[in-house]
Amino acid sequence: MCPNGKYSAAVANSCINCPTGKYSSGAVEGNVGTYHADSCTVTPAGGVSGLGWDHYNFCGKGTYSSAGSENCADCPGGKFLADDTDTLASHDQPEDCVSCAAGKRSEDTEGESRKR
């Protein structure tokens, strides 16, 4: 049985770290009992995971990610993303970042537009 964050190919006798952008809880429940994962799950868009992770983290305020990402990307200049919830769909594409209102600007990734 492989520990969390690792997997074992069907023909391998050792456990391997899940690559960045993927994760594994280690054990998988099947029809004939529990067995080691033979692959890792791709981290969903809106989340990130690193080498050997057994979970993924949500992207926070001012950031987004595509599926299989290791890091969250900052919203581009002049845009912001105020949502700070654990909702993947709110952080899964650059279009989630919205333009600042007229007379405001964004100079950081805290998710707030600032008045000029």
N, C-alpha and C. Protein backbone atom coordinates (compact mmCIF):
# COMPACT_ATOMS: atom_id res chain seq x y z
N MET A 1 0.85 -1.17 0.00
CA MET A 1 0.00 0.00 0.00
C MET A 1 0.90 1.24 0.00
N CYS A 2 0.63 2.15 -0.89
CA CYS A 2 1.41 3.39 -0.95
C CYS A 2 0.84 4.41 0.01
N PRO A 3 1.69 5.21 0.63
CA PRO A 3 1.20 6.28 1.51
C PRO A 3 0.57 7.41 0.69
N ASN A 4 -0.12 8.29 1.37
CA ASN A 4 -0.73 9.44 0.71
C ASN A 4 0.32 10.23 -0.06
N GLY A 5 -0.07 10.75 -1.22
CA GLY A 5 0.82 11.54 -2.06
C GLY A 5 1.68 10.72 -2.99
N LYS A 6 1.51 9.41 -2.95
CA LYS A 6 2.31 8.51 -3.80
C LYS A 6 1.41 7.54 -4.54
N TYR A 7 1.97 6.89 -5.53
CA TYR A 7 1.24 5.87 -6.28
C TYR A 7 2.22 4.80 -6.71
N SER A 8 1.70 3.70 -7.22
CA SER A 8 2.55 2.63 -7.71
C SER A 8 1.96 2.09 -9.00
N ALA A 9 2.79 2.04 -10.03
CA ALA A 9 2.35 1.46 -11.30
C ALA A 9 2.10 -0.03 -11.07
N ALA A 10 1.24 -0.61 -11.87
CA ALA A 10 0.85 -2.01 -11.69
C ALA A 10 2.05 -2.96 -11.66
N VAL A 11 3.09 -2.66 -12.41
CA VAL A 11 4.24 -3.56 -12.47
C VAL A 11 5.38 -3.14 -11.54
N ALA A 12 5.21 -2.04 -10.84
CA ALA A 12 6.27 -1.54 -9.96
C ALA A 12 6.14 -2.09 -8.56
N ASN A 13 7.28 -2.25 -7.90
CA ASN A 13 7.29 -2.71 -6.52
C ASN A 13 7.55 -1.58 -5.53
N SER A 14 7.61 -0.36 -6.03
CA SER A 14 7.88 0.77 -5.15
C SER A 14 6.86 1.87 -5.39
N CYS A 15 6.78 2.76 -4.42
CA CYS A 15 5.85 3.89 -4.51
C CYS A 15 6.59 5.10 -5.06
N ILE A 16 5.88 5.90 -5.83
CA ILE A 16 6.45 7.06 -6.51
C ILE A 16 5.64 8.29 -6.09
N ASN A 17 6.32 9.43 -5.88
CA ASN A 17 5.63 10.68 -5.57
C ASN A 17 4.72 11.08 -6.73
N CYS A 18 3.55 11.56 -6.41
CA CYS A 18 2.71 12.16 -7.44
C CYS A 18 3.45 13.40 -7.96
N PRO A 19 3.42 13.63 -9.27
CA PRO A 19 4.08 14.83 -9.81
C PRO A 19 3.32 16.10 -9.44
N THR A 20 3.96 17.24 -9.61
CA THR A 20 3.27 18.50 -9.35
C THR A 20 2.03 18.59 -10.24
N GLY A 21 0.99 19.19 -9.70
CA GLY A 21 -0.26 19.32 -10.45
C GLY A 21 -1.15 18.10 -10.34
N LYS A 22 -0.73 17.11 -9.54
CA LYS A 22 -1.54 15.91 -9.29
C LYS A 22 -1.44 15.55 -7.82
N TYR A 23 -2.39 14.77 -7.34
CA TYR A 23 -2.39 14.35 -5.94
C TYR A 23 -2.99 12.95 -5.81
N SER A 24 -2.77 12.31 -4.66
CA SER A 24 -3.33 10.99 -4.40
C SER A 24 -3.51 10.81 -2.90
N SER A 25 -4.64 10.25 -2.54
CA SER A 25 -4.86 9.95 -1.13
C SER A 25 -4.26 8.60 -0.77
N GLY A 26 -3.56 7.97 -1.71
CA GLY A 26 -2.86 6.72 -1.44
C GLY A 26 -3.71 5.49 -1.63
N ALA A 27 -4.70 5.28 -0.79
CA ALA A 27 -5.53 4.09 -0.86
C ALA A 27 -6.78 4.34 -1.69
N VAL A 28 -7.20 3.33 -2.41
CA VAL A 28 -8.39 3.40 -3.24
C VAL A 28 -9.30 2.25 -2.85
N GLU A 29 -10.57 2.51 -2.63
CA GLU A 29 -11.52 1.45 -2.32
C GLU A 29 -12.03 0.85 -3.62
N GLY A 30 -11.95 -0.46 -3.73
CA GLY A 30 -12.43 -1.14 -4.92
C GLY A 30 -13.39 -2.25 -4.57
N ASN A 31 -13.82 -2.99 -5.57
CA ASN A 31 -14.78 -4.09 -5.36
C ASN A 31 -14.19 -5.21 -4.51
N VAL A 32 -12.89 -5.37 -4.55
CA VAL A 32 -12.26 -6.47 -3.81
C VAL A 32 -11.41 -5.97 -2.66
N GLY A 33 -11.68 -4.78 -2.16
CA GLY A 33 -10.94 -4.26 -1.02
C GLY A 33 -10.15 -3.02 -1.36
N THR A 34 -9.25 -2.67 -0.47
CA THR A 34 -8.43 -1.48 -0.63
C THR A 34 -7.12 -1.84 -1.32
N TYR A 35 -6.71 -1.03 -2.26
CA TYR A 35 -5.44 -1.25 -2.95
C TYR A 35 -4.76 0.08 -3.17
N HIS A 36 -3.49 0.04 -3.54
CA HIS A 36 -2.76 1.30 -3.75
C HIS A 36 -3.17 1.94 -5.07
N ALA A 37 -3.13 3.25 -5.08
CA ALA A 37 -3.48 3.99 -6.29
C ALA A 37 -2.45 3.70 -7.37
N ASP A 38 -2.88 3.44 -8.59
CA ASP A 38 -1.95 3.20 -9.69
C ASP A 38 -1.75 4.45 -10.52
N SER A 39 -2.33 5.53 -10.10
CA SER A 39 -2.12 6.81 -10.76
C SER A 39 -2.52 7.92 -9.79
N CYS A 40 -2.24 9.13 -10.16
CA CYS A 40 -2.60 10.28 -9.34
C CYS A 40 -3.71 11.05 -10.06
N THR A 41 -4.46 11.79 -9.31
CA THR A 41 -5.57 12.57 -9.84
C THR A 41 -5.08 13.96 -10.22
N VAL A 42 -5.46 14.43 -11.39
CA VAL A 42 -5.10 15.79 -11.82
C VAL A 42 -5.80 16.79 -10.93
N THR A 43 -5.04 17.75 -10.43
CA THR A 43 -5.61 18.81 -9.61
C THR A 43 -6.60 19.62 -10.44
N PRO A 44 -7.80 19.86 -9.93
CA PRO A 44 -8.80 20.59 -10.72
C PRO A 44 -8.43 22.06 -10.90
N ALA A 45 -8.97 22.67 -11.94
CA ALA A 45 -8.79 24.11 -12.14
C ALA A 45 -9.35 24.83 -10.92
N GLY A 46 -8.64 25.85 -10.48
CA GLY A 46 -9.02 26.57 -9.28
C GLY A 46 -8.27 26.08 -8.05
N GLY A 47 -7.46 25.03 -8.23
CA GLY A 47 -6.66 24.48 -7.14
C GLY A 47 -5.23 24.24 -7.59
N VAL A 48 -4.35 23.94 -6.64
CA VAL A 48 -2.94 23.68 -6.93
C VAL A 48 -2.42 22.55 -6.04
N SER A 49 -1.41 21.84 -6.53
CA SER A 49 -0.76 20.81 -5.71
C SER A 49 0.69 20.67 -6.14
N GLY A 50 1.52 20.27 -5.19
CA GLY A 50 2.95 20.12 -5.44
C GLY A 50 3.38 18.67 -5.45
N LEU A 51 4.66 18.45 -5.58
CA LEU A 51 5.25 17.12 -5.64
C LEU A 51 4.93 16.31 -4.40
N GLY A 52 4.32 15.14 -4.59
CA GLY A 52 4.02 14.24 -3.48
C GLY A 52 2.86 14.65 -2.60
N TRP A 53 1.99 15.52 -3.09
CA TRP A 53 0.87 15.99 -2.27
C TRP A 53 -0.26 14.96 -2.23
N ASP A 54 -0.96 14.91 -1.10
CA ASP A 54 -2.11 14.02 -0.96
C ASP A 54 -3.43 14.79 -1.01
N HIS A 55 -3.36 16.07 -1.38
CA HIS A 55 -4.53 16.94 -1.44
C HIS A 55 -4.22 18.09 -2.39
N TYR A 56 -5.16 18.97 -2.58
CA TYR A 56 -4.89 20.21 -3.31
C TYR A 56 -5.37 21.38 -2.47
N ASN A 57 -4.79 22.54 -2.71
CA ASN A 57 -5.20 23.78 -2.05
C ASN A 57 -6.00 24.63 -3.03
N PHE A 58 -6.92 25.39 -2.51
CA PHE A 58 -7.71 26.30 -3.33
C PHE A 58 -6.91 27.58 -3.61
N CYS A 59 -7.09 28.14 -4.80
CA CYS A 59 -6.51 29.45 -5.09
C CYS A 59 -7.30 30.50 -4.31
N GLY A 60 -6.62 31.49 -3.82
CA GLY A 60 -7.26 32.50 -2.99
C GLY A 60 -7.57 33.78 -3.74
N LYS A 61 -7.89 34.78 -2.97
CA LYS A 61 -8.27 36.10 -3.48
C LYS A 61 -7.20 36.62 -4.44
N GLY A 62 -7.61 37.09 -5.61
CA GLY A 62 -6.69 37.68 -6.58
C GLY A 62 -5.95 36.68 -7.45
N THR A 63 -6.30 35.38 -7.38
CA THR A 63 -5.58 34.36 -8.14
C THR A 63 -6.53 33.35 -8.79
N TYR A 64 -5.99 32.61 -9.76
CA TYR A 64 -6.73 31.56 -10.47
C TYR A 64 -5.74 30.50 -10.94
N SER A 65 -6.23 29.35 -11.39
CA SER A 65 -5.35 28.33 -11.96
C SER A 65 -6.12 27.47 -12.95
N SER A 66 -5.37 26.85 -13.86
CA SER A 66 -5.96 25.86 -14.76
C SER A 66 -5.72 24.48 -14.16
N ALA A 67 -6.36 23.47 -14.71
CA ALA A 67 -6.19 22.11 -14.19
C ALA A 67 -4.72 21.68 -14.26
N GLY A 68 -4.28 20.96 -13.24
CA GLY A 68 -2.92 20.44 -13.22
C GLY A 68 -1.86 21.46 -12.86
N SER A 69 -2.25 22.54 -12.19
CA SER A 69 -1.31 23.61 -11.86
C SER A 69 -0.57 23.35 -10.54
N GLU A 70 0.66 23.84 -10.49
CA GLU A 70 1.45 23.80 -9.26
C GLU A 70 1.28 25.09 -8.47
N ASN A 71 1.03 26.20 -9.17
CA ASN A 71 0.89 27.50 -8.53
C ASN A 71 -0.33 28.24 -9.06
N CYS A 72 -0.90 29.08 -8.21
CA CYS A 72 -1.98 29.96 -8.64
C CYS A 72 -1.36 31.15 -9.36
N ALA A 73 -2.01 31.62 -10.40
CA ALA A 73 -1.54 32.79 -11.15
C ALA A 73 -2.25 34.04 -10.64
N ASP A 74 -1.52 35.15 -10.60
CA ASP A 74 -2.11 36.43 -10.21
C ASP A 74 -2.98 36.97 -11.33
N CYS A 75 -4.04 37.66 -10.96
CA CYS A 75 -4.85 38.37 -11.95
C CYS A 75 -3.94 39.38 -12.65
N PRO A 76 -4.15 39.60 -13.94
CA PRO A 76 -3.33 40.59 -14.65
C PRO A 76 -3.60 42.01 -14.14
N GLY A 77 -2.68 42.91 -14.39
CA GLY A 77 -2.82 44.31 -13.97
C GLY A 77 -4.13 44.92 -14.43
N GLY A 78 -4.73 45.72 -13.59
CA GLY A 78 -5.99 46.37 -13.92
C GLY A 78 -7.20 45.50 -13.69
N LYS A 79 -6.98 44.28 -13.18
CA LYS A 79 -8.09 43.36 -12.91
C LYS A 79 -7.97 42.86 -11.48
N PHE A 80 -9.07 42.38 -10.94
CA PHE A 80 -9.06 41.86 -9.58
C PHE A 80 -10.05 40.71 -9.44
N LEU A 81 -9.89 39.95 -8.38
CA LEU A 81 -10.77 38.83 -8.05
C LEU A 81 -10.97 38.85 -6.55
N ALA A 82 -12.09 39.35 -6.11
CA ALA A 82 -12.34 39.56 -4.69
C ALA A 82 -12.79 38.30 -3.97
N ASP A 83 -13.23 37.28 -4.69
CA ASP A 83 -13.74 36.06 -4.07
C ASP A 83 -12.64 35.38 -3.25
N ASP A 84 -12.93 35.06 -2.00
CA ASP A 84 -11.96 34.39 -1.14
C ASP A 84 -12.56 33.11 -0.55
N THR A 85 -13.44 32.47 -1.31
CA THR A 85 -14.08 31.25 -0.84
C THR A 85 -13.36 30.02 -1.39
N ASP A 86 -13.73 28.86 -0.91
CA ASP A 86 -13.17 27.61 -1.42
C ASP A 86 -14.05 27.07 -2.54
N THR A 87 -14.28 27.91 -3.53
CA THR A 87 -15.10 27.54 -4.68
C THR A 87 -14.20 27.46 -5.91
N LEU A 88 -13.95 26.27 -6.39
CA LEU A 88 -13.05 26.08 -7.53
C LEU A 88 -13.49 26.88 -8.74
N ALA A 89 -14.78 26.88 -9.04
CA ALA A 89 -15.28 27.55 -10.24
C ALA A 89 -15.08 29.06 -10.21
N SER A 90 -14.81 29.63 -9.05
CA SER A 90 -14.59 31.08 -8.96
C SER A 90 -13.13 31.45 -9.20
N HIS A 91 -12.27 30.45 -9.36
CA HIS A 91 -10.83 30.69 -9.52
C HIS A 91 -10.22 29.81 -10.60
N ASP A 92 -11.01 29.43 -11.61
CA ASP A 92 -10.53 28.43 -12.57
C ASP A 92 -10.16 28.96 -13.95
N GLN A 93 -10.17 30.28 -14.15
CA GLN A 93 -9.81 30.83 -15.45
C GLN A 93 -9.50 32.32 -15.31
N PRO A 94 -8.68 32.86 -16.22
CA PRO A 94 -8.34 34.28 -16.12
C PRO A 94 -9.56 35.19 -16.23
N GLU A 95 -10.61 34.71 -16.88
CA GLU A 95 -11.83 35.51 -17.03
C GLU A 95 -12.55 35.72 -15.69
N ASP A 96 -12.16 34.98 -14.67
CA ASP A 96 -12.73 35.20 -13.33
C ASP A 96 -12.25 36.53 -12.76
N CYS A 97 -11.13 37.03 -13.27
CA CYS A 97 -10.61 38.34 -12.86
C CYS A 97 -11.39 39.40 -13.63
N VAL A 98 -11.90 40.38 -12.94
CA VAL A 98 -12.71 41.42 -13.59
C VAL A 98 -11.98 42.75 -13.60
N SER A 99 -12.30 43.57 -14.57
CA SER A 99 -11.67 44.89 -14.70
C SER A 99 -12.09 45.80 -13.55
N CYS A 100 -11.16 46.62 -13.16
CA CYS A 100 -11.44 47.62 -12.12
C CYS A 100 -12.42 48.65 -12.68
N ALA A 101 -13.22 49.18 -11.81
CA ALA A 101 -14.18 50.22 -12.19
C ALA A 101 -13.42 51.48 -12.59
N ALA A 102 -14.06 52.33 -13.39
CA ALA A 102 -13.45 53.60 -13.80
C ALA A 102 -13.02 54.39 -12.56
N GLY A 103 -11.81 54.93 -12.61
CA GLY A 103 -11.29 55.71 -11.50
C GLY A 103 -10.62 54.88 -10.43
N LYS A 104 -10.54 53.54 -10.63
CA LYS A 104 -9.88 52.67 -9.67
C LYS A 104 -8.79 51.89 -10.38
N ARG A 105 -7.85 51.38 -9.61
CA ARG A 105 -6.76 50.59 -10.18
C ARG A 105 -6.46 49.42 -9.27
N SER A 106 -5.76 48.45 -9.80
CA SER A 106 -5.35 47.30 -9.01
C SER A 106 -3.84 47.21 -9.10
N GLU A 107 -3.18 47.22 -7.96
CA GLU A 107 -1.72 47.15 -7.96
C GLU A 107 -1.20 45.97 -7.16
N ASP A 108 -2.08 45.15 -6.64
CA ASP A 108 -1.64 43.96 -5.92
C ASP A 108 -2.65 42.85 -6.16
N THR A 109 -2.44 41.71 -5.51
CA THR A 109 -3.32 40.57 -5.72
C THR A 109 -4.26 40.35 -4.55
N GLU A 110 -4.49 41.37 -3.76
CA GLU A 110 -5.38 41.23 -2.61
C GLU A 110 -6.84 41.17 -3.01
N GLY A 111 -7.13 41.35 -4.30
CA GLY A 111 -8.49 41.19 -4.77
C GLY A 111 -9.34 42.45 -4.73
N GLU A 112 -8.82 43.53 -4.24
CA GLU A 112 -9.59 44.76 -4.12
C GLU A 112 -9.10 45.78 -5.17
N SER A 113 -10.01 46.51 -5.74
CA SER A 113 -9.63 47.65 -6.58
C SER A 113 -9.38 48.82 -5.65
N ARG A 114 -8.40 49.60 -5.96
CA ARG A 114 -8.07 50.75 -5.12
C ARG A 114 -8.42 52.03 -5.86
N LYS A 115 -8.91 53.00 -5.12
CA LYS A 115 -9.27 54.28 -5.70
C LYS A 115 -8.00 55.03 -6.08
N ARG A 116 -8.03 55.69 -7.22
CA ARG A 116 -6.87 56.48 -7.66
C ARG A 116 -6.78 57.75 -6.90
